[in-house]
């Protein structure tokens, strides 16, 4: 599948700050966004180029999902990372540290069939932000997340089609040491206007 992730990143420039990962099943582009206002027009262009799925960083307000959905059009699903109740306190701690300019390290685990998380990874640092992007299949993800939490990573975001039971295993493996957010979609039903 041809898919894209927009990740909020200190000083990121969508035109040049991109990470591309390809294997036989996936064509994934991670775009680092320093200015969230640049995301909707970039999403529109990606949709025109054939991207079939767009995911958004959990650091972006939920209103951006609506803006990106409108820009990308009805044929491209748009998801965003959100945090469950078990991660709210750690997510708030991370956000406060981020706003103070001293965030802990963060990581993204991207569901990719056939990926090797030991080697299929990218690290990006800019200003106070340090992010590791790790490609992993379902069998390795919980172990990867547990190791990240042991290393002091304060926030982990999960991208891709993680089944609920696998996401739950990842959250359990982290054991409250880091916030874990999971990419998901809004409710699929369109509400009809009241008559």
N, C-alpha and C. Protein backbone atom coordinates (compact mmCIF):
# COMPACT_ATOMS: atom_id res chain seq x y z
N UNK A 1 0.83 -1.19 0.00
CA UNK A 1 0.00 0.00 0.00
C UNK A 1 0.87 1.24 0.00
N UNK A 2 0.44 2.26 -0.70
CA UNK A 2 1.12 3.54 -0.75
C UNK A 2 0.49 4.43 0.32
N UNK A 3 1.25 4.73 1.40
CA UNK A 3 0.69 5.50 2.50
C UNK A 3 1.66 6.55 3.00
N UNK A 4 1.12 7.53 3.74
CA UNK A 4 1.94 8.64 4.23
C UNK A 4 1.58 8.96 5.67
N UNK A 5 2.59 9.41 6.42
CA UNK A 5 2.41 9.86 7.79
C UNK A 5 2.96 11.27 7.89
N UNK A 6 2.14 12.16 8.46
CA UNK A 6 2.60 13.51 8.77
C UNK A 6 2.94 13.55 10.25
N UNK A 7 4.20 13.87 10.56
CA UNK A 7 4.66 13.88 11.94
C UNK A 7 5.13 15.28 12.30
N UNK A 8 4.57 15.85 13.37
CA UNK A 8 4.97 17.19 13.80
C UNK A 8 6.39 17.12 14.35
N UNK A 9 7.27 17.96 13.77
CA UNK A 9 8.69 17.86 14.10
C UNK A 9 9.34 19.23 14.06
N UNK A 10 10.12 19.53 15.08
CA UNK A 10 10.77 20.83 15.24
C UNK A 10 11.54 21.22 13.98
N UNK A 11 11.12 22.31 13.35
CA UNK A 11 11.83 22.82 12.17
C UNK A 11 11.66 22.00 10.91
N UNK A 12 10.76 21.01 10.92
CA UNK A 12 10.59 20.16 9.74
C UNK A 12 10.04 20.91 8.55
N UNK A 13 10.54 20.59 7.37
CA UNK A 13 10.10 21.19 6.11
C UNK A 13 9.56 20.06 5.24
N UNK A 14 8.25 20.08 5.00
CA UNK A 14 7.60 19.00 4.27
C UNK A 14 8.18 18.76 2.88
N UNK A 15 8.79 19.76 2.30
CA UNK A 15 9.31 19.58 0.95
C UNK A 15 10.62 18.80 0.91
N UNK A 16 11.34 18.77 2.03
CA UNK A 16 12.63 18.07 2.03
C UNK A 16 12.80 17.06 3.15
N UNK A 17 12.09 17.23 4.25
CA UNK A 17 12.26 16.34 5.40
C UNK A 17 11.31 15.16 5.30
N UNK A 18 11.76 14.16 4.54
CA UNK A 18 10.95 12.98 4.29
C UNK A 18 11.78 11.73 4.50
N UNK A 19 11.13 10.72 5.03
CA UNK A 19 11.75 9.40 5.18
C UNK A 19 10.91 8.45 4.34
N UNK A 20 11.55 7.69 3.48
CA UNK A 20 10.83 6.74 2.64
C UNK A 20 11.27 5.32 2.98
N UNK A 21 10.29 4.44 3.12
CA UNK A 21 10.57 3.03 3.39
C UNK A 21 9.73 2.21 2.43
N UNK A 22 10.37 1.28 1.73
CA UNK A 22 9.65 0.42 0.79
C UNK A 22 10.05 -1.03 1.00
N UNK A 23 9.05 -1.90 0.90
CA UNK A 23 9.32 -3.32 0.77
C UNK A 23 8.25 -3.89 -0.16
N UNK A 24 8.14 -5.20 -0.26
CA UNK A 24 7.22 -5.78 -1.24
C UNK A 24 5.76 -5.47 -0.94
N UNK A 25 5.43 -5.16 0.31
CA UNK A 25 4.04 -4.91 0.67
C UNK A 25 3.72 -3.44 0.90
N UNK A 26 4.71 -2.62 1.14
CA UNK A 26 4.48 -1.25 1.58
C UNK A 26 5.34 -0.23 0.85
N UNK A 27 4.76 0.95 0.67
CA UNK A 27 5.48 2.12 0.20
C UNK A 27 5.08 3.23 1.16
N UNK A 28 5.95 3.54 2.10
CA UNK A 28 5.62 4.43 3.21
C UNK A 28 6.49 5.67 3.16
N UNK A 29 5.84 6.84 3.30
CA UNK A 29 6.57 8.10 3.37
C UNK A 29 6.20 8.80 4.67
N UNK A 30 7.21 9.18 5.45
CA UNK A 30 7.02 9.95 6.67
C UNK A 30 7.47 11.36 6.36
N UNK A 31 6.55 12.31 6.56
CA UNK A 31 6.83 13.71 6.28
C UNK A 31 6.91 14.47 7.59
N UNK A 32 8.02 15.15 7.84
CA UNK A 32 8.24 15.87 9.08
C UNK A 32 7.77 17.32 8.92
N UNK A 33 6.77 17.69 9.73
CA UNK A 33 6.10 18.98 9.57
C UNK A 33 6.43 19.93 10.70
N UNK A 34 7.13 21.00 10.39
CA UNK A 34 7.38 22.05 11.38
C UNK A 34 6.23 23.01 11.48
N UNK A 35 5.49 23.17 10.38
CA UNK A 35 4.35 24.08 10.33
C UNK A 35 3.10 23.27 9.99
N UNK A 36 2.24 23.00 10.98
CA UNK A 36 1.05 22.19 10.71
C UNK A 36 0.14 22.76 9.63
N UNK A 37 0.16 24.06 9.43
CA UNK A 37 -0.68 24.67 8.39
C UNK A 37 -0.30 24.19 6.99
N UNK A 38 0.92 23.69 6.83
CA UNK A 38 1.36 23.19 5.52
C UNK A 38 0.87 21.77 5.23
N UNK A 39 0.29 21.10 6.22
CA UNK A 39 -0.09 19.70 6.05
C UNK A 39 -1.28 19.53 5.09
N UNK A 40 -2.40 20.25 5.24
CA UNK A 40 -3.52 20.00 4.33
C UNK A 40 -3.18 20.15 2.84
N UNK A 41 -2.48 21.22 2.41
CA UNK A 41 -2.15 21.27 0.98
C UNK A 41 -1.20 20.15 0.54
N UNK A 42 -0.29 19.74 1.43
CA UNK A 42 0.61 18.63 1.10
C UNK A 42 -0.18 17.32 0.99
N UNK A 43 -1.19 17.15 1.86
CA UNK A 43 -2.03 15.96 1.80
C UNK A 43 -2.83 15.92 0.50
N UNK A 44 -3.30 17.06 0.07
CA UNK A 44 -4.04 17.13 -1.20
C UNK A 44 -3.15 16.67 -2.35
N UNK A 45 -1.91 17.13 -2.35
CA UNK A 45 -0.98 16.75 -3.42
C UNK A 45 -0.68 15.25 -3.37
N UNK A 46 -0.47 14.71 -2.17
CA UNK A 46 -0.20 13.27 -2.04
C UNK A 46 -1.38 12.44 -2.54
N UNK A 47 -2.59 12.89 -2.22
CA UNK A 47 -3.78 12.18 -2.70
C UNK A 47 -3.82 12.17 -4.22
N UNK A 48 -3.48 13.29 -4.83
CA UNK A 48 -3.44 13.37 -6.29
C UNK A 48 -2.38 12.44 -6.87
N UNK A 49 -1.32 12.19 -6.11
CA UNK A 49 -0.22 11.32 -6.55
C UNK A 49 -0.48 9.85 -6.27
N UNK A 50 -1.61 9.53 -5.64
CA UNK A 50 -1.98 8.13 -5.44
C UNK A 50 -1.77 7.55 -4.06
N UNK A 51 -1.49 8.38 -3.06
CA UNK A 51 -1.40 7.86 -1.70
C UNK A 51 -2.78 7.37 -1.28
N UNK A 52 -2.83 6.17 -0.72
CA UNK A 52 -4.11 5.56 -0.38
C UNK A 52 -4.50 5.65 1.08
N UNK A 53 -3.61 6.14 1.95
CA UNK A 53 -3.89 6.28 3.37
C UNK A 53 -2.98 7.37 3.94
N UNK A 54 -3.55 8.24 4.75
CA UNK A 54 -2.78 9.29 5.43
C UNK A 54 -3.02 9.15 6.93
N UNK A 55 -1.92 9.22 7.71
CA UNK A 55 -2.01 9.19 9.16
C UNK A 55 -1.35 10.43 9.73
N UNK A 56 -1.90 10.92 10.84
CA UNK A 56 -1.42 12.16 11.46
C UNK A 56 -0.89 11.91 12.87
N UNK A 57 0.15 12.63 13.20
CA UNK A 57 0.79 12.60 14.51
C UNK A 57 -0.20 12.95 15.62
N UNK A 58 -0.02 12.35 16.78
CA UNK A 58 -0.86 12.63 17.93
C UNK A 58 -0.65 14.01 18.51
N UNK A 59 0.42 14.70 18.12
CA UNK A 59 0.66 16.06 18.59
C UNK A 59 -0.20 17.09 17.89
N UNK A 60 -0.85 16.69 16.81
CA UNK A 60 -1.70 17.63 16.07
C UNK A 60 -3.10 17.66 16.68
N UNK A 61 -3.70 18.83 16.80
CA UNK A 61 -5.08 18.89 17.29
C UNK A 61 -6.00 18.08 16.38
N UNK A 62 -7.04 17.52 16.96
CA UNK A 62 -7.98 16.69 16.21
C UNK A 62 -8.60 17.45 15.04
N UNK A 63 -8.70 18.77 15.14
CA UNK A 63 -9.27 19.56 14.05
C UNK A 63 -8.47 19.39 12.76
N UNK A 64 -7.19 19.04 12.87
CA UNK A 64 -6.40 18.85 11.65
C UNK A 64 -6.85 17.62 10.87
N UNK A 65 -7.38 16.61 11.56
CA UNK A 65 -7.88 15.45 10.83
C UNK A 65 -9.00 15.87 9.89
N UNK A 66 -9.90 16.73 10.36
CA UNK A 66 -10.98 17.21 9.51
C UNK A 66 -10.44 18.02 8.33
N UNK A 67 -9.46 18.87 8.59
CA UNK A 67 -8.87 19.68 7.51
C UNK A 67 -8.17 18.81 6.47
N UNK A 68 -7.45 17.80 6.94
CA UNK A 68 -6.72 16.92 6.01
C UNK A 68 -7.71 16.06 5.24
N UNK A 69 -8.77 15.58 5.90
CA UNK A 69 -9.79 14.80 5.19
C UNK A 69 -10.40 15.62 4.06
N UNK A 70 -10.70 16.86 4.34
CA UNK A 70 -11.28 17.72 3.31
C UNK A 70 -10.29 17.93 2.17
N UNK A 71 -9.02 18.15 2.50
CA UNK A 71 -8.01 18.41 1.46
C UNK A 71 -7.73 17.16 0.64
N UNK A 72 -7.67 15.99 1.29
CA UNK A 72 -7.30 14.75 0.59
C UNK A 72 -8.45 14.19 -0.24
N UNK A 73 -9.68 14.50 0.13
CA UNK A 73 -10.83 14.01 -0.62
C UNK A 73 -11.39 12.73 -0.03
N UNK A 74 -12.58 12.40 -0.46
CA UNK A 74 -13.34 11.29 0.12
C UNK A 74 -12.72 9.92 -0.12
N UNK A 75 -11.86 9.79 -1.13
CA UNK A 75 -11.31 8.48 -1.47
C UNK A 75 -10.08 8.08 -0.65
N UNK A 76 -9.54 9.01 0.14
CA UNK A 76 -8.33 8.72 0.92
C UNK A 76 -8.66 8.74 2.41
N UNK A 77 -8.63 7.58 3.06
CA UNK A 77 -8.87 7.57 4.51
C UNK A 77 -7.78 8.35 5.25
N UNK A 78 -8.19 9.07 6.30
CA UNK A 78 -7.26 9.84 7.12
C UNK A 78 -7.46 9.42 8.58
N UNK A 79 -6.38 9.02 9.21
CA UNK A 79 -6.40 8.60 10.61
C UNK A 79 -5.50 9.53 11.42
N UNK A 80 -5.69 9.53 12.73
CA UNK A 80 -4.80 10.28 13.60
C UNK A 80 -4.56 9.50 14.88
N UNK A 81 -3.43 9.77 15.50
CA UNK A 81 -3.05 9.08 16.73
C UNK A 81 -3.77 9.73 17.90
N UNK A 82 -4.39 8.90 18.74
CA UNK A 82 -5.00 9.36 19.98
C UNK A 82 -4.53 8.46 21.13
N UNK A 83 -4.72 8.94 22.34
CA UNK A 83 -4.22 8.25 23.52
C UNK A 83 -5.39 7.82 24.40
N UNK A 84 -5.35 6.57 24.84
CA UNK A 84 -6.37 6.05 25.74
C UNK A 84 -6.18 6.55 27.16
N UNK A 85 -7.15 6.29 28.00
CA UNK A 85 -7.13 6.77 29.38
C UNK A 85 -5.89 6.32 30.13
N UNK A 86 -5.37 5.13 29.80
CA UNK A 86 -4.18 4.62 30.50
C UNK A 86 -2.94 5.44 30.18
N UNK A 87 -2.99 6.25 29.13
CA UNK A 87 -1.83 7.04 28.72
C UNK A 87 -2.00 8.54 28.92
N UNK A 88 -3.14 8.96 29.42
CA UNK A 88 -3.43 10.40 29.52
C UNK A 88 -2.41 11.13 30.39
N UNK A 89 -2.10 10.60 31.56
CA UNK A 89 -1.18 11.30 32.46
C UNK A 89 0.20 11.40 31.82
N UNK A 90 0.71 10.30 31.28
CA UNK A 90 2.04 10.33 30.65
C UNK A 90 2.04 11.23 29.40
N UNK A 91 0.94 11.23 28.64
CA UNK A 91 0.86 12.10 27.46
C UNK A 91 0.87 13.56 27.89
N UNK A 92 0.16 13.89 28.98
CA UNK A 92 0.16 15.28 29.48
C UNK A 92 1.55 15.67 29.98
N UNK A 93 2.23 14.75 30.67
CA UNK A 93 3.60 15.02 31.12
C UNK A 93 4.52 15.29 29.93
N UNK A 94 4.37 14.46 28.88
CA UNK A 94 5.19 14.65 27.69
C UNK A 94 4.89 16.01 27.05
N UNK A 95 3.61 16.34 26.92
CA UNK A 95 3.22 17.61 26.31
C UNK A 95 3.77 18.79 27.09
N UNK A 96 3.69 18.74 28.42
CA UNK A 96 4.22 19.83 29.24
C UNK A 96 5.73 19.98 29.04
N UNK A 97 6.44 18.87 29.00
CA UNK A 97 7.89 18.91 28.77
C UNK A 97 8.19 19.43 27.37
N UNK A 98 7.38 19.01 26.38
CA UNK A 98 7.56 19.47 25.01
C UNK A 98 7.39 20.99 24.93
N UNK A 99 6.33 21.48 25.57
CA UNK A 99 6.05 22.92 25.54
C UNK A 99 7.14 23.72 26.26
N UNK A 100 7.78 23.10 27.24
CA UNK A 100 8.87 23.74 27.97
C UNK A 100 10.20 23.62 27.23
N UNK A 101 10.20 22.93 26.08
CA UNK A 101 11.41 22.78 25.29
C UNK A 101 12.34 21.68 25.74
N UNK A 102 11.83 20.76 26.60
CA UNK A 102 12.68 19.68 27.11
C UNK A 102 11.95 18.33 27.05
N UNK A 103 11.50 17.94 25.87
CA UNK A 103 10.75 16.68 25.81
C UNK A 103 11.67 15.47 25.94
N UNK A 104 11.14 14.38 26.55
CA UNK A 104 11.91 13.14 26.50
C UNK A 104 11.97 12.61 25.07
N UNK A 105 12.77 11.61 24.85
CA UNK A 105 12.81 11.00 23.52
C UNK A 105 11.45 10.41 23.20
N UNK A 106 11.15 10.33 21.91
CA UNK A 106 9.88 9.78 21.45
C UNK A 106 10.16 8.77 20.35
N UNK A 107 9.17 7.91 20.09
CA UNK A 107 9.34 6.89 19.06
C UNK A 107 8.01 6.61 18.38
N UNK A 108 8.11 6.13 17.16
CA UNK A 108 6.95 5.69 16.39
C UNK A 108 7.23 4.26 15.96
N UNK A 109 6.23 3.40 16.16
CA UNK A 109 6.34 2.03 15.67
C UNK A 109 5.32 1.89 14.55
N UNK A 110 5.81 1.60 13.37
CA UNK A 110 4.98 1.54 12.18
C UNK A 110 4.77 0.09 11.77
N UNK A 111 3.53 -0.31 11.64
CA UNK A 111 3.22 -1.69 11.28
C UNK A 111 3.56 -1.92 9.81
N UNK A 112 4.56 -2.76 9.59
CA UNK A 112 4.99 -3.10 8.24
C UNK A 112 5.28 -4.60 8.22
N UNK A 113 4.53 -5.33 7.41
CA UNK A 113 4.75 -6.77 7.27
C UNK A 113 6.17 -7.03 6.77
N UNK A 114 6.84 -8.00 7.39
CA UNK A 114 8.17 -8.40 6.93
C UNK A 114 9.30 -7.48 7.34
N UNK A 115 9.03 -6.45 8.13
CA UNK A 115 10.09 -5.53 8.54
C UNK A 115 10.90 -6.13 9.68
N UNK A 116 12.15 -5.71 9.77
CA UNK A 116 13.04 -6.12 10.86
C UNK A 116 13.29 -4.90 11.73
N UNK A 117 12.67 -4.83 12.93
CA UNK A 117 12.80 -3.63 13.75
C UNK A 117 14.22 -3.34 14.22
N UNK A 118 15.09 -4.33 14.17
CA UNK A 118 16.49 -4.10 14.57
C UNK A 118 17.23 -3.25 13.55
N UNK A 119 16.86 -3.36 12.28
CA UNK A 119 17.57 -2.63 11.23
C UNK A 119 16.68 -1.64 10.47
N UNK A 120 15.38 -1.88 10.43
CA UNK A 120 14.47 -1.01 9.68
C UNK A 120 14.00 0.12 10.58
N UNK A 121 14.90 1.08 10.78
CA UNK A 121 14.59 2.19 11.68
C UNK A 121 15.36 3.43 11.24
N UNK A 122 14.82 4.57 11.61
CA UNK A 122 15.41 5.86 11.27
C UNK A 122 15.35 6.74 12.50
N UNK A 123 16.38 7.54 12.74
CA UNK A 123 16.41 8.46 13.87
C UNK A 123 16.55 9.87 13.32
N UNK A 124 15.73 10.77 13.85
CA UNK A 124 15.81 12.17 13.47
C UNK A 124 15.85 13.03 14.74
N UNK A 125 16.74 14.01 14.74
CA UNK A 125 16.85 14.96 15.86
C UNK A 125 16.88 16.36 15.31
N UNK A 126 16.20 17.26 16.01
CA UNK A 126 16.22 18.67 15.66
C UNK A 126 15.84 19.46 16.91
N UNK A 127 16.69 20.42 17.28
CA UNK A 127 16.42 21.16 18.51
C UNK A 127 16.30 20.18 19.66
N UNK A 128 15.24 20.31 20.46
CA UNK A 128 15.09 19.40 21.60
C UNK A 128 14.45 18.06 21.25
N UNK A 129 14.01 17.92 20.02
CA UNK A 129 13.23 16.74 19.65
C UNK A 129 14.14 15.63 19.10
N UNK A 130 13.90 14.41 19.62
CA UNK A 130 14.66 13.22 19.20
C UNK A 130 13.65 12.10 18.99
N UNK A 131 13.50 11.67 17.74
CA UNK A 131 12.46 10.69 17.40
C UNK A 131 13.07 9.52 16.65
N UNK A 132 12.66 8.31 17.05
CA UNK A 132 13.06 7.10 16.35
C UNK A 132 11.82 6.51 15.67
N UNK A 133 11.93 6.23 14.39
CA UNK A 133 10.86 5.61 13.60
C UNK A 133 11.27 4.17 13.34
N UNK A 134 10.46 3.22 13.82
CA UNK A 134 10.80 1.81 13.74
C UNK A 134 9.71 1.06 12.97
N UNK A 135 10.13 0.31 11.94
CA UNK A 135 9.20 -0.54 11.20
C UNK A 135 9.19 -1.90 11.89
N UNK A 136 7.99 -2.43 12.13
CA UNK A 136 7.90 -3.70 12.84
C UNK A 136 6.66 -4.46 12.39
N UNK A 137 6.75 -5.79 12.47
CA UNK A 137 5.54 -6.59 12.26
C UNK A 137 4.89 -6.83 13.62
N UNK A 138 3.76 -7.52 13.61
CA UNK A 138 2.98 -7.73 14.84
C UNK A 138 3.75 -8.50 15.90
N UNK A 139 4.53 -9.49 15.50
CA UNK A 139 5.16 -10.38 16.47
C UNK A 139 6.24 -9.69 17.31
N UNK A 140 6.88 -8.67 16.78
CA UNK A 140 8.00 -8.04 17.48
C UNK A 140 7.64 -6.75 18.20
N UNK A 141 6.48 -6.18 17.92
CA UNK A 141 6.17 -4.82 18.37
C UNK A 141 6.15 -4.64 19.88
N UNK A 142 5.57 -5.57 20.61
CA UNK A 142 5.50 -5.42 22.08
C UNK A 142 6.90 -5.41 22.68
N UNK A 143 7.78 -6.27 22.20
CA UNK A 143 9.15 -6.28 22.69
C UNK A 143 9.89 -5.00 22.36
N UNK A 144 9.66 -4.48 21.16
CA UNK A 144 10.28 -3.21 20.76
C UNK A 144 9.82 -2.10 21.69
N UNK A 145 8.52 -2.03 21.95
CA UNK A 145 7.97 -0.98 22.81
C UNK A 145 8.50 -1.09 24.23
N UNK A 146 8.58 -2.31 24.75
CA UNK A 146 9.11 -2.49 26.11
C UNK A 146 10.55 -2.00 26.21
N UNK A 147 11.35 -2.31 25.19
CA UNK A 147 12.74 -1.87 25.19
C UNK A 147 12.83 -0.34 25.10
N UNK A 148 11.99 0.28 24.29
CA UNK A 148 11.98 1.74 24.19
C UNK A 148 11.65 2.37 25.54
N UNK A 149 10.65 1.82 26.22
CA UNK A 149 10.27 2.36 27.53
C UNK A 149 11.41 2.21 28.54
N UNK A 150 12.13 1.08 28.50
CA UNK A 150 13.27 0.88 29.39
C UNK A 150 14.36 1.90 29.12
N UNK A 151 14.49 2.32 27.85
CA UNK A 151 15.51 3.31 27.47
C UNK A 151 15.10 4.74 27.80
N UNK A 152 13.90 4.93 28.37
CA UNK A 152 13.48 6.27 28.76
C UNK A 152 12.67 7.02 27.73
N UNK A 153 12.25 6.35 26.66
CA UNK A 153 11.38 7.01 25.68
C UNK A 153 10.07 7.36 26.39
N UNK A 154 9.64 8.60 26.27
CA UNK A 154 8.47 9.06 27.01
C UNK A 154 7.16 8.97 26.27
N UNK A 155 7.22 8.80 24.95
CA UNK A 155 6.01 8.77 24.14
C UNK A 155 6.23 7.83 22.96
N UNK A 156 5.26 6.94 22.73
CA UNK A 156 5.32 5.99 21.62
C UNK A 156 4.02 6.12 20.84
N UNK A 157 4.13 6.30 19.53
CA UNK A 157 2.94 6.34 18.68
C UNK A 157 2.95 5.15 17.74
N UNK A 158 1.79 4.52 17.60
CA UNK A 158 1.63 3.35 16.75
C UNK A 158 0.89 3.74 15.47
N UNK A 159 1.50 3.45 14.33
CA UNK A 159 0.91 3.76 13.03
C UNK A 159 0.68 2.48 12.25
N UNK A 160 -0.38 2.46 11.48
CA UNK A 160 -0.69 1.31 10.65
C UNK A 160 -1.88 0.56 11.21
N UNK A 161 -2.14 -0.57 10.63
CA UNK A 161 -3.35 -1.33 10.97
C UNK A 161 -3.10 -2.32 12.10
N UNK A 162 -2.72 -1.81 13.27
CA UNK A 162 -2.49 -2.68 14.42
C UNK A 162 -3.84 -3.20 14.92
N UNK A 163 -4.01 -4.51 15.02
CA UNK A 163 -5.24 -5.03 15.63
C UNK A 163 -5.31 -4.58 17.09
N UNK A 164 -6.51 -4.44 17.62
CA UNK A 164 -6.68 -3.98 18.99
C UNK A 164 -5.91 -4.84 19.99
N UNK A 165 -5.92 -6.16 19.81
CA UNK A 165 -5.24 -7.02 20.78
C UNK A 165 -3.72 -6.82 20.75
N UNK A 166 -3.17 -6.50 19.58
CA UNK A 166 -1.73 -6.24 19.50
C UNK A 166 -1.41 -4.89 20.14
N UNK A 167 -2.23 -3.88 19.87
CA UNK A 167 -2.03 -2.57 20.51
C UNK A 167 -2.12 -2.72 22.03
N UNK A 168 -3.08 -3.52 22.50
CA UNK A 168 -3.22 -3.76 23.94
C UNK A 168 -1.98 -4.44 24.50
N UNK A 169 -1.41 -5.40 23.77
CA UNK A 169 -0.18 -6.06 24.21
C UNK A 169 0.98 -5.07 24.29
N UNK A 170 1.04 -4.15 23.34
CA UNK A 170 2.10 -3.13 23.34
C UNK A 170 1.95 -2.23 24.57
N UNK A 171 0.73 -1.78 24.83
CA UNK A 171 0.47 -0.92 25.99
C UNK A 171 0.83 -1.65 27.27
N UNK A 172 0.47 -2.92 27.36
CA UNK A 172 0.80 -3.71 28.55
C UNK A 172 2.31 -3.87 28.70
N UNK A 173 3.01 -4.08 27.59
CA UNK A 173 4.47 -4.26 27.65
C UNK A 173 5.18 -2.99 28.13
N UNK A 174 4.63 -1.84 27.80
CA UNK A 174 5.22 -0.56 28.23
C UNK A 174 5.01 -0.34 29.72
N UNK A 175 3.95 -0.91 30.27
CA UNK A 175 3.69 -0.93 31.72
C UNK A 175 3.65 0.47 32.34
N UNK A 176 3.04 1.43 31.63
CA UNK A 176 2.86 2.76 32.20
C UNK A 176 4.09 3.63 32.21
N UNK A 177 5.20 3.17 31.63
CA UNK A 177 6.44 3.95 31.64
C UNK A 177 6.46 5.02 30.56
N UNK A 178 5.56 4.91 29.57
CA UNK A 178 5.49 5.89 28.48
C UNK A 178 4.04 5.97 28.02
N UNK A 179 3.69 7.11 27.44
CA UNK A 179 2.38 7.24 26.81
C UNK A 179 2.40 6.46 25.50
N UNK A 180 1.32 5.75 25.21
CA UNK A 180 1.21 5.04 23.94
C UNK A 180 -0.06 5.50 23.23
N UNK A 181 0.11 6.03 22.03
CA UNK A 181 -1.02 6.46 21.22
C UNK A 181 -1.17 5.54 20.02
N UNK A 182 -2.42 5.36 19.59
CA UNK A 182 -2.72 4.43 18.51
C UNK A 182 -3.45 5.18 17.40
N UNK A 183 -3.03 4.97 16.17
CA UNK A 183 -3.67 5.59 15.02
C UNK A 183 -5.06 4.99 14.81
N UNK A 184 -6.04 5.87 14.60
CA UNK A 184 -7.40 5.41 14.37
C UNK A 184 -8.19 6.43 13.57
N UNK A 185 -9.36 6.02 13.18
CA UNK A 185 -10.22 6.83 12.32
C UNK A 185 -11.39 7.36 13.12
N UNK A 186 -12.01 8.42 12.60
CA UNK A 186 -13.26 8.91 13.18
C UNK A 186 -14.38 7.94 12.86
N UNK A 187 -15.52 8.15 13.43
CA UNK A 187 -16.68 7.29 13.18
C UNK A 187 -17.00 7.33 11.70
N UNK A 188 -17.21 6.16 11.06
CA UNK A 188 -17.40 6.14 9.61
C UNK A 188 -18.76 6.62 9.12
N UNK A 189 -19.74 6.66 10.00
CA UNK A 189 -21.08 7.03 9.54
C UNK A 189 -21.21 8.54 9.37
N UNK A 190 -21.82 8.94 8.32
CA UNK A 190 -22.13 10.35 8.09
C UNK A 190 -23.47 10.64 8.76
N UNK A 191 -23.52 11.70 9.51
CA UNK A 191 -24.78 12.07 10.13
C UNK A 191 -25.59 12.93 9.18
N UNK A 192 -26.84 12.57 9.07
CA UNK A 192 -27.72 13.34 8.19
C UNK A 192 -28.28 14.51 8.96
N UNK A 193 -28.45 15.61 8.26
CA UNK A 193 -29.02 16.79 8.89
C UNK A 193 -30.44 16.51 9.35
N UNK A 194 -30.75 17.06 10.49
CA UNK A 194 -32.13 16.86 11.00
C UNK A 194 -33.11 17.55 10.07
N UNK A 195 -34.25 16.90 9.86
CA UNK A 195 -35.22 17.50 8.94
C UNK A 195 -36.12 18.49 9.63
